[in-house]
N, C-alpha and C. Protein backbone atom coordinates (compact mmCIF):
# COMPACT_ATOMS: atom_id res chain seq x y z
N UNK A 1 0.82 -1.25 -0.15
CA UNK A 1 0.05 0.03 0.01
C UNK A 1 0.82 1.14 -0.08
N UNK A 2 0.65 2.07 -1.15
CA UNK A 2 1.60 3.21 -1.15
C UNK A 2 1.10 4.25 -0.08
N UNK A 3 2.02 5.06 0.42
CA UNK A 3 1.54 5.82 1.49
C UNK A 3 1.98 7.39 0.74
N UNK A 4 0.97 8.13 0.77
CA UNK A 4 1.17 9.63 0.33
C UNK A 4 1.44 10.49 1.39
N UNK A 5 2.63 11.09 1.62
CA UNK A 5 2.73 11.88 3.08
C UNK A 5 1.90 13.16 2.90
N UNK A 6 1.13 13.75 1.71
CA UNK A 6 0.47 14.70 1.63
C UNK A 6 -0.87 14.68 2.40
N UNK A 7 -1.39 13.43 2.17
CA UNK A 7 -2.81 12.90 2.79
C UNK A 7 -2.44 12.63 4.34
N UNK A 8 -1.18 12.46 4.78
CA UNK A 8 -1.22 12.19 6.20
C UNK A 8 -0.94 13.51 7.09
N UNK A 9 -0.62 14.47 6.17
CA UNK A 9 -0.61 15.71 7.16
C UNK A 9 -2.12 15.97 7.81
N UNK A 10 -1.70 16.70 8.81
CA UNK A 10 -3.15 17.30 9.52
C UNK A 10 -2.93 18.73 9.34
N UNK A 11 -4.26 19.38 9.00
CA UNK A 11 -4.19 20.79 8.87
C UNK A 11 -5.48 21.18 7.94
N UNK A 12 -5.33 22.40 7.72
CA UNK A 12 -6.41 23.14 7.10
C UNK A 12 -6.19 22.80 5.43
N UNK A 13 -7.01 22.51 4.86
CA UNK A 13 -6.57 22.22 3.27
C UNK A 13 -6.62 23.59 2.38
N UNK A 14 -5.90 23.75 1.49
CA UNK A 14 -5.61 24.95 0.75
C UNK A 14 -6.94 25.09 -0.15
N UNK A 15 -7.65 24.22 -0.50
CA UNK A 15 -9.03 24.11 -1.23
C UNK A 15 -9.80 24.83 0.00
N UNK A 16 -9.92 24.80 0.95
CA UNK A 16 -11.01 24.92 2.17
C UNK A 16 -10.73 26.55 2.26
N UNK A 17 -9.53 27.22 2.20
CA UNK A 17 -8.98 28.34 2.40
C UNK A 17 -9.27 29.19 1.18
N UNK A 18 -9.13 28.36 0.08
CA UNK A 18 -9.70 29.32 -1.30
C UNK A 18 -11.21 29.52 -1.26
N UNK A 19 -12.00 28.63 -0.74
CA UNK A 19 -13.34 28.65 -0.83
C UNK A 19 -13.74 29.70 0.12
N UNK A 20 -13.11 29.61 1.22
CA UNK A 20 -13.51 30.76 2.45
C UNK A 20 -12.88 32.20 1.90
N UNK A 21 -12.07 32.24 1.43
CA UNK A 21 -11.58 33.52 0.72
C UNK A 21 -12.60 34.12 -0.38
N UNK A 22 -12.95 33.18 -1.37
CA UNK A 22 -13.50 33.49 -2.34
C UNK A 22 -14.99 33.87 -1.88
N UNK A 23 -15.47 33.25 -0.73
CA UNK A 23 -16.48 33.67 -0.20
C UNK A 23 -16.53 35.17 0.43
N UNK A 24 -15.62 35.57 1.09
CA UNK A 24 -15.44 36.65 1.68
C UNK A 24 -15.46 37.88 0.65
N UNK A 25 -14.54 37.38 -0.44
CA UNK A 25 -14.48 38.29 -1.68
C UNK A 25 -16.02 38.74 -2.35
N UNK A 26 -16.53 37.65 -2.36
CA UNK A 26 -17.92 37.90 -2.97
C UNK A 26 -18.44 38.88 -2.11
N UNK A 27 -18.67 38.64 -0.74
CA UNK A 27 -19.60 39.22 0.20
C UNK A 27 -18.92 40.81 0.00
N UNK A 28 -17.59 41.02 0.10
CA UNK A 28 -17.26 42.54 0.09
C UNK A 28 -17.70 43.27 -1.28
N UNK A 29 -17.63 42.32 -2.45
CA UNK A 29 -17.85 43.02 -3.51
C UNK A 29 -19.84 43.14 -3.50
N UNK A 30 -20.33 42.20 -2.86
CA UNK A 30 -21.76 42.51 -2.83
C UNK A 30 -22.26 43.63 -2.03
N UNK A 31 -21.35 44.11 -0.84
CA UNK A 31 -21.32 45.17 -0.18
C UNK A 31 -21.15 46.65 -0.88
N UNK A 32 -20.32 46.34 -1.80
CA UNK A 32 -19.87 47.46 -2.48
C UNK A 32 -21.28 47.79 -3.54
N UNK A 33 -21.50 46.65 -4.26
CA UNK A 33 -22.65 46.73 -5.13
C UNK A 33 -23.94 47.31 -4.37
N UNK A 34 -24.23 46.86 -3.23
CA UNK A 34 -25.45 47.38 -2.38
C UNK A 34 -25.56 48.92 -1.85
N UNK A 35 -24.10 48.97 -1.61
CA UNK A 35 -24.07 50.52 -1.38
C UNK A 35 -23.87 51.45 -2.55
N UNK A 36 -23.47 50.89 -3.41
CA UNK A 36 -23.49 51.88 -4.94
C UNK A 36 -24.88 52.17 -5.44
N UNK A 37 -25.41 50.89 -5.34
CA UNK A 37 -26.88 51.07 -5.62
C UNK A 37 -27.67 52.02 -5.01
N UNK A 38 -27.43 52.17 -3.69
CA UNK A 38 -28.01 53.00 -2.74
C UNK A 38 -27.84 54.45 -3.01
N UNK A 39 -26.38 54.68 -3.37
CA UNK A 39 -26.19 55.80 -3.96
C UNK A 39 -26.61 56.30 -4.99
N UNK A 40 -26.84 55.69 -5.79
CA UNK A 40 -27.32 55.60 -7.34
C UNK A 40 -26.11 55.44 -8.26
N UNK A 41 -26.52 53.98 -8.98
CA UNK A 41 -25.26 53.42 -9.76
C UNK A 41 -25.70 53.68 -11.35
N UNK A 42 -26.63 54.39 -11.75
CA UNK A 42 -27.19 54.84 -13.15
C UNK A 42 -26.26 55.79 -13.76
N UNK A 43 -27.06 56.33 -14.93
CA UNK A 43 -26.39 57.29 -15.54
C UNK A 43 -27.50 58.73 -15.51
N UNK A 44 -27.17 59.76 -14.62
CA UNK A 44 -28.05 60.78 -14.85
C UNK A 44 -27.82 61.91 -15.98
N UNK A 45 -28.48 62.73 -15.84
CA UNK A 45 -28.76 63.86 -17.21
C UNK A 45 -27.17 64.57 -16.97
N UNK A 46 -26.64 64.57 -16.00
CA UNK A 46 -25.22 65.24 -16.16
C UNK A 46 -24.06 64.32 -15.98
N UNK A 47 -24.07 63.06 -15.78
CA UNK A 47 -23.14 62.19 -16.25
C UNK A 47 -23.38 60.91 -15.20
N UNK A 48 -22.21 60.20 -14.90
CA UNK A 48 -22.58 58.93 -14.04
C UNK A 48 -23.00 59.42 -12.54
N UNK A 49 -23.88 58.84 -11.93
CA UNK A 49 -24.29 59.01 -10.51
C UNK A 49 -23.10 58.54 -9.59
N UNK A 50 -22.96 59.07 -8.42
CA UNK A 50 -21.72 58.52 -7.50
C UNK A 50 -21.41 57.36 -7.18
N UNK A 51 -22.35 56.24 -7.35
CA UNK A 51 -21.90 54.87 -7.35
C UNK A 51 -21.93 54.01 -8.76
N UNK A 52 -21.67 54.90 -9.54
CA UNK A 52 -21.81 54.15 -10.96
C UNK A 52 -20.59 53.43 -11.07
N UNK A 53 -19.43 53.82 -11.08
CA UNK A 53 -18.25 53.09 -11.22
C UNK A 53 -17.95 51.93 -10.09
N UNK A 54 -18.21 52.29 -8.85
CA UNK A 54 -18.01 51.34 -7.83
C UNK A 54 -19.14 50.19 -7.90
N UNK A 55 -20.16 50.26 -8.47
CA UNK A 55 -21.30 49.37 -8.76
C UNK A 55 -20.61 48.58 -9.38
N UNK A 56 -19.83 48.62 -10.74
CA UNK A 56 -19.56 47.66 -11.80
C UNK A 56 -18.01 47.09 -11.20
N UNK A 57 -17.72 47.88 -10.50
CA UNK A 57 -16.22 47.33 -9.64
C UNK A 57 -16.82 46.37 -9.08
N UNK A 58 -17.58 46.59 -8.03
CA UNK A 58 -18.39 45.47 -7.14
C UNK A 58 -18.71 44.34 -7.87
N UNK A 59 -19.48 44.69 -9.05
CA UNK A 59 -20.01 43.45 -9.70
C UNK A 59 -18.70 42.51 -10.11
N UNK A 60 -17.79 43.04 -10.66
CA UNK A 60 -16.49 42.14 -11.14
C UNK A 60 -16.03 41.60 -9.94
N UNK A 61 -16.00 42.24 -8.84
CA UNK A 61 -15.39 41.53 -7.55
C UNK A 61 -16.23 40.24 -7.26
N UNK A 62 -17.57 40.28 -7.55
CA UNK A 62 -18.73 39.53 -7.03
C UNK A 62 -18.21 38.13 -8.20
N UNK A 63 -18.30 38.50 -9.25
CA UNK A 63 -18.03 37.48 -10.35
C UNK A 63 -16.74 36.68 -10.00
N UNK A 64 -15.69 37.29 -9.63
CA UNK A 64 -14.47 36.66 -9.42
C UNK A 64 -14.79 35.85 -8.30
N UNK A 65 -15.51 36.39 -7.25
CA UNK A 65 -15.67 35.38 -6.17
C UNK A 65 -16.34 34.29 -6.39
N UNK A 66 -17.36 34.35 -7.43
CA UNK A 66 -18.07 33.20 -7.83
C UNK A 66 -17.38 32.07 -8.84
N UNK A 67 -16.35 32.68 -9.40
CA UNK A 67 -15.55 31.91 -10.36
C UNK A 67 -14.48 31.12 -9.49
N UNK A 68 -13.88 31.79 -8.31
CA UNK A 68 -12.88 31.11 -7.34
C UNK A 68 -13.71 30.11 -6.71
N UNK A 69 -15.02 30.39 -6.24
CA UNK A 69 -15.67 29.55 -5.25
C UNK A 69 -15.99 28.20 -6.24
N UNK A 70 -16.68 28.33 -7.48
CA UNK A 70 -16.89 26.95 -8.30
C UNK A 70 -15.64 26.35 -8.38
N UNK A 71 -14.61 27.14 -8.65
CA UNK A 71 -13.23 26.06 -8.85
C UNK A 71 -12.77 25.56 -7.53
N UNK A 72 -13.02 26.21 -6.50
CA UNK A 72 -12.73 25.58 -5.19
C UNK A 72 -13.68 24.16 -4.81
N UNK A 73 -15.06 24.52 -5.13
CA UNK A 73 -15.90 23.46 -5.14
C UNK A 73 -15.44 22.13 -5.95
N UNK A 74 -15.34 22.50 -7.21
CA UNK A 74 -14.98 21.33 -8.18
C UNK A 74 -13.55 20.73 -7.38
N UNK A 75 -12.49 21.28 -6.88
CA UNK A 75 -11.38 20.88 -6.61
C UNK A 75 -11.77 20.15 -5.03
N UNK A 76 -12.30 20.18 -4.20
CA UNK A 76 -12.91 20.00 -3.01
C UNK A 76 -12.50 18.41 -2.60
N UNK A 77 -13.03 17.52 -3.62
CA UNK A 77 -12.80 16.17 -3.33
C UNK A 77 -11.43 15.75 -3.95
N UNK A 78 -10.83 16.39 -4.83
CA UNK A 78 -9.50 16.01 -5.03
C UNK A 78 -8.32 16.69 -4.30
N UNK A 79 -8.51 17.99 -4.38
CA UNK A 79 -7.07 18.69 -3.44
C UNK A 79 -6.80 18.29 -2.21
N UNK A 80 -5.91 17.58 -1.61
CA UNK A 80 -5.82 17.33 -0.35
C UNK A 80 -4.68 18.05 0.18
N UNK A 81 -3.99 19.08 -0.30
CA UNK A 81 -2.63 19.53 -0.21
C UNK A 81 -3.20 20.44 1.10
N UNK A 82 -2.08 20.71 2.08
CA UNK A 82 -2.47 21.53 3.21
C UNK A 82 -2.09 22.58 3.08
N UNK A 83 -2.96 23.39 3.63
CA UNK A 83 -2.39 25.01 3.45
C UNK A 83 -1.86 25.45 4.76
N UNK A 84 -1.90 25.14 5.94
CA UNK A 84 -1.59 25.14 6.79
C UNK A 84 -1.62 24.06 8.03
N UNK A 85 -0.61 23.82 8.77
CA UNK A 85 -0.32 23.00 9.65
C UNK A 85 -0.94 23.39 11.14
N UNK A 86 -1.13 22.65 12.11
CA UNK A 86 -1.53 23.16 13.42
C UNK A 86 -0.16 24.07 14.00
N UNK A 87 0.76 23.51 13.88
CA UNK A 87 2.11 24.05 14.38
C UNK A 87 2.20 25.58 13.57
N UNK A 88 1.91 25.73 12.59
CA UNK A 88 2.20 26.79 11.59
C UNK A 88 1.09 27.75 11.86
N UNK A 89 -0.02 27.38 12.19
CA UNK A 89 -1.07 28.32 12.24
C UNK A 89 -0.76 29.13 13.80
N UNK A 90 -0.26 28.20 14.53
CA UNK A 90 -0.21 29.02 15.85
C UNK A 90 1.26 30.00 15.71
N UNK A 91 2.11 29.89 14.97
CA UNK A 91 3.22 30.85 14.46
C UNK A 91 2.13 32.04 13.99
N UNK A 92 1.14 31.91 13.01
CA UNK A 92 0.43 33.00 12.35
C UNK A 92 -0.04 33.57 13.52
N UNK A 93 -0.71 32.90 14.61
CA UNK A 93 -1.73 33.49 15.51
C UNK A 93 -0.98 34.45 16.53
N UNK A 94 0.28 33.85 16.68
CA UNK A 94 1.31 34.80 17.72
C UNK A 94 1.29 36.06 17.05
N UNK A 95 1.42 36.19 15.66
CA UNK A 95 1.49 37.48 15.21
C UNK A 95 0.25 38.40 15.01
N UNK A 96 -0.59 37.65 14.49
CA UNK A 96 -1.96 38.36 14.11
C UNK A 96 -2.98 38.91 15.43
N UNK A 97 -2.90 37.82 16.37
CA UNK A 97 -3.69 38.19 17.60
C UNK A 97 -3.30 39.70 18.39
N UNK A 98 -2.11 39.51 18.59
CA UNK A 98 -1.47 40.89 19.29
C UNK A 98 -1.47 42.19 18.11
N UNK A 99 -1.27 41.63 16.96
CA UNK A 99 -1.59 43.02 15.94
C UNK A 99 -2.93 43.26 16.02
N UNK A 100 -3.87 42.56 16.03
CA UNK A 100 -5.36 42.90 16.11
C UNK A 100 -5.71 43.83 17.20
N UNK A 101 -5.28 43.17 18.18
CA UNK A 101 -5.29 43.98 19.80
C UNK A 101 -4.60 45.14 19.68
N UNK A 102 -3.44 45.24 18.61
CA UNK A 102 -2.79 46.54 18.84
C UNK A 102 -3.97 47.82 18.01
N UNK A 103 -4.14 47.34 16.95
CA UNK A 103 -5.34 48.29 16.05
C UNK A 103 -6.49 48.61 16.81
N UNK A 104 -7.04 47.86 17.68
CA UNK A 104 -8.32 47.97 18.59
C UNK A 104 -7.75 48.99 19.54
N UNK A 105 -6.59 48.90 20.33
CA UNK A 105 -6.01 49.70 21.18
C UNK A 105 -5.88 51.07 20.83
N UNK A 106 -5.43 51.52 19.50
CA UNK A 106 -5.14 52.42 18.92
C UNK A 106 -6.52 53.27 18.84
N UNK A 107 -7.48 52.70 18.74
CA UNK A 107 -8.78 53.12 18.37
C UNK A 107 -9.26 53.73 19.93
N UNK A 108 -8.97 53.07 21.04
CA UNK A 108 -9.34 53.44 22.49
C UNK A 108 -8.39 54.12 23.24
N UNK A 109 -7.34 53.80 23.22
CA UNK A 109 -6.04 54.38 24.11
C UNK A 109 -5.18 55.36 23.25
N UNK A 110 -5.32 55.25 21.99
CA UNK A 110 -4.26 55.92 21.20
C UNK A 110 -3.16 55.39 20.65
N UNK A 111 -2.61 55.83 19.65
CA UNK A 111 -1.09 55.05 19.16
C UNK A 111 -0.21 54.88 19.93
N UNK A 112 0.19 55.99 20.81
CA UNK A 112 1.27 56.24 21.68
C UNK A 112 1.42 55.10 22.80
N UNK A 113 0.27 55.06 23.57
CA UNK A 113 0.32 53.97 24.36
C UNK A 113 0.05 52.69 23.94
N UNK A 114 -0.68 52.41 22.91
CA UNK A 114 -0.77 51.04 22.48
C UNK A 114 0.41 50.66 21.64
N UNK A 115 1.20 51.41 21.03
CA UNK A 115 2.72 51.35 20.44
C UNK A 115 3.52 50.70 21.47
N UNK A 116 3.72 51.61 22.85
CA UNK A 116 4.46 51.17 23.71
C UNK A 116 4.22 49.46 24.34
N UNK A 117 2.81 49.45 24.65
CA UNK A 117 2.39 48.11 25.14
C UNK A 117 2.84 47.29 24.20
N UNK A 118 2.46 47.50 22.70
CA UNK A 118 2.64 46.24 21.87
C UNK A 118 3.98 46.13 21.53
N UNK A 119 5.04 46.94 21.69
CA UNK A 119 6.38 46.61 21.14
C UNK A 119 6.74 45.85 22.46
N UNK A 120 6.45 46.73 23.79
CA UNK A 120 7.01 45.85 24.81
C UNK A 120 6.69 44.57 25.17
N UNK A 121 5.54 44.14 24.98
CA UNK A 121 4.76 42.89 25.15
C UNK A 121 5.47 41.76 24.18
N UNK A 122 5.49 42.55 22.90
CA UNK A 122 6.09 41.66 22.00
C UNK A 122 7.60 41.35 22.14
N UNK A 123 8.26 42.25 22.61
CA UNK A 123 9.64 41.91 22.71
C UNK A 123 10.04 41.05 23.78
N UNK A 124 9.00 41.35 24.95
CA UNK A 124 9.22 40.33 26.03
C UNK A 124 8.85 38.84 25.81
N UNK A 125 7.43 38.79 25.07
CA UNK A 125 6.98 37.33 24.95
C UNK A 125 7.36 36.68 23.88
N UNK A 126 7.72 37.23 23.07
CA UNK A 126 8.27 36.55 21.63
C UNK A 126 9.73 36.68 21.38
N UNK A 127 10.21 37.77 21.77
CA UNK A 127 11.76 38.08 21.56
C UNK A 127 12.14 37.52 22.94
N UNK A 128 11.83 37.25 24.18
CA UNK A 128 12.39 36.75 25.27
C UNK A 128 13.31 37.95 25.97
N UNK A 129 13.28 39.26 25.59
CA UNK A 129 13.85 40.37 26.26
C UNK A 129 13.79 40.52 27.76
N UNK A 130 14.35 41.13 28.62
CA UNK A 130 14.01 41.43 29.94
C UNK A 130 12.80 42.39 29.96
N UNK A 131 11.92 42.33 30.92
CA UNK A 131 11.10 43.29 31.27
C UNK A 131 11.58 44.57 31.12
N UNK A 132 12.66 44.94 31.50
CA UNK A 132 13.29 46.07 31.73
C UNK A 132 13.55 46.84 30.32
N UNK A 133 14.25 45.82 29.54
CA UNK A 133 14.71 46.46 28.26
C UNK A 133 13.16 46.52 27.49
N UNK A 134 12.57 45.52 27.48
CA UNK A 134 11.07 45.59 26.74
C UNK A 134 10.49 47.01 26.93
N UNK A 135 10.32 47.15 28.23
CA UNK A 135 9.45 48.44 28.75
C UNK A 135 10.26 49.81 28.26
N UNK A 136 11.60 49.47 28.04
CA UNK A 136 12.44 50.81 27.97
C UNK A 136 12.19 51.43 26.56
N UNK A 137 12.27 50.18 25.63
CA UNK A 137 12.36 50.50 24.08
C UNK A 137 11.03 50.49 23.76
N UNK A 138 10.00 49.87 24.29
CA UNK A 138 8.68 50.38 24.12
C UNK A 138 8.15 51.97 24.36
N UNK A 139 8.68 52.16 25.51
CA UNK A 139 8.32 53.63 25.87
C UNK A 139 9.27 54.61 25.23
N UNK A 140 10.47 54.04 24.87
CA UNK A 140 11.45 55.04 24.29
C UNK A 140 10.78 55.40 22.84
N UNK A 141 10.16 54.22 22.01
CA UNK A 141 9.86 54.24 20.79
C UNK A 141 8.49 55.42 20.49
N UNK A 142 7.74 55.20 21.72
CA UNK A 142 6.67 55.75 21.75
C UNK A 142 6.78 57.49 22.04
N UNK A 143 7.53 57.76 22.92
CA UNK A 143 8.11 59.11 23.29
C UNK A 143 8.85 59.79 22.03
N UNK A 144 9.61 59.04 21.37
CA UNK A 144 10.32 59.68 20.17
C UNK A 144 9.49 59.73 19.12
N UNK A 145 8.47 58.94 18.94
CA UNK A 145 7.25 59.20 17.78
C UNK A 145 6.25 60.47 18.41
N UNK A 146 6.02 60.63 19.34
CA UNK A 146 5.04 61.48 20.06
C UNK A 146 5.89 62.81 19.64
N UNK A 147 7.50 62.84 20.17
CA UNK A 147 8.25 64.20 19.57
C UNK A 147 8.13 64.73 18.33
N UNK A 148 8.30 63.36 17.76
CA UNK A 148 8.47 63.44 16.08
C UNK A 148 7.37 64.26 15.22
N UNK A 149 6.17 63.48 15.74
CA UNK A 149 5.04 63.59 14.98
C UNK A 149 3.98 65.05 15.64
N UNK A 150 3.87 65.01 16.91
CA UNK A 150 3.20 65.80 17.56
C UNK A 150 3.83 67.27 17.77
N UNK A 151 5.03 67.10 18.11
CA UNK A 151 5.83 68.51 18.41
C UNK A 151 6.22 69.13 17.40
N UNK A 152 7.46 68.24 16.67
CA UNK A 152 8.48 68.82 15.72
C UNK A 152 7.62 69.05 14.13
N UNK A 153 6.68 67.99 13.85
CA UNK A 153 6.20 67.91 12.45
C UNK A 153 4.83 68.56 12.55
N UNK A 154 4.10 68.45 13.77
CA UNK A 154 2.62 69.15 14.09
C UNK A 154 1.58 68.15 13.22
N UNK A 155 2.02 66.84 13.14
CA UNK A 155 1.05 65.67 12.69
C UNK A 155 0.27 65.03 13.48
N UNK A 156 -0.80 65.18 13.58
CA UNK A 156 -1.77 64.43 14.83
C UNK A 156 -2.09 63.23 14.13
N UNK A 157 -1.68 62.35 15.19
CA UNK A 157 -1.96 60.75 15.27
C UNK A 157 -3.01 60.53 16.20
N UNK A 158 -3.95 59.52 16.38
CA UNK A 158 -4.71 59.17 16.84
C UNK A 158 -4.36 59.16 18.53
N UNK A 159 -4.95 60.00 19.42
CA UNK A 159 -4.79 59.96 20.75
C UNK A 159 -5.55 59.44 21.89
N UNK A 160 -5.23 59.25 23.12
CA UNK A 160 -6.07 58.62 23.70
C UNK A 160 -6.36 59.75 25.15
N UNK A 161 -6.69 59.04 26.03
CA UNK A 161 -6.96 59.94 27.46
C UNK A 161 -5.65 60.24 27.93
N UNK A 162 -4.46 59.65 28.02
CA UNK A 162 -3.44 60.28 28.51
C UNK A 162 -2.93 61.68 27.82
N UNK A 163 -2.89 61.47 26.56
CA UNK A 163 -2.76 62.74 25.62
C UNK A 163 -3.57 63.85 26.04
N UNK A 164 -4.70 63.43 26.09
CA UNK A 164 -5.83 64.55 26.47
C UNK A 164 -5.54 65.08 27.68
N UNK A 165 -5.10 64.14 28.72
CA UNK A 165 -4.94 64.90 29.90
C UNK A 165 -3.73 65.88 29.83
N UNK A 166 -2.92 65.41 28.91
CA UNK A 166 -1.65 66.25 28.79
C UNK A 166 -1.89 67.63 27.88
N UNK A 167 -2.86 67.51 27.42
CA UNK A 167 -3.29 68.90 26.50
C UNK A 167 -3.17 68.86 24.96
N UNK A 168 -2.76 67.61 24.54
CA UNK A 168 -2.99 67.47 23.15
C UNK A 168 -4.02 66.76 22.49
């Protein structure tokens, strides 16, 4: 009995990822089509309405999503190739989850505090640096960024309660 190493691997199959991404792409296109239609996707007496071009771009995105979905469905019984194995997925999540929390943090506590926490924790937990070095670098980068953007170049970036208390 021949043993195919590809079928012996565990993990998420490539064709399943293709199908999920195709469905998400279709849904994104459908959202663009819906909103463009709501804005006006036709041609008026003075030219195209606001949603005219986005409507057709959204339609192309939807068509592409359908084509890739059909291709994935046809390949589903045959394609056993593994997209990501459980160990590899863990490595991706180590980056993805903290990065997602960082983006959310920017919305609620501002970019400077979020950056200090993100850099410090990432250095400590992933890079295995000492707590002191991690905190110093995280705080240092945020202070330098604050001085550079807010003071010297006067480019406002998202701020949180701490910066508001400081008068920025």
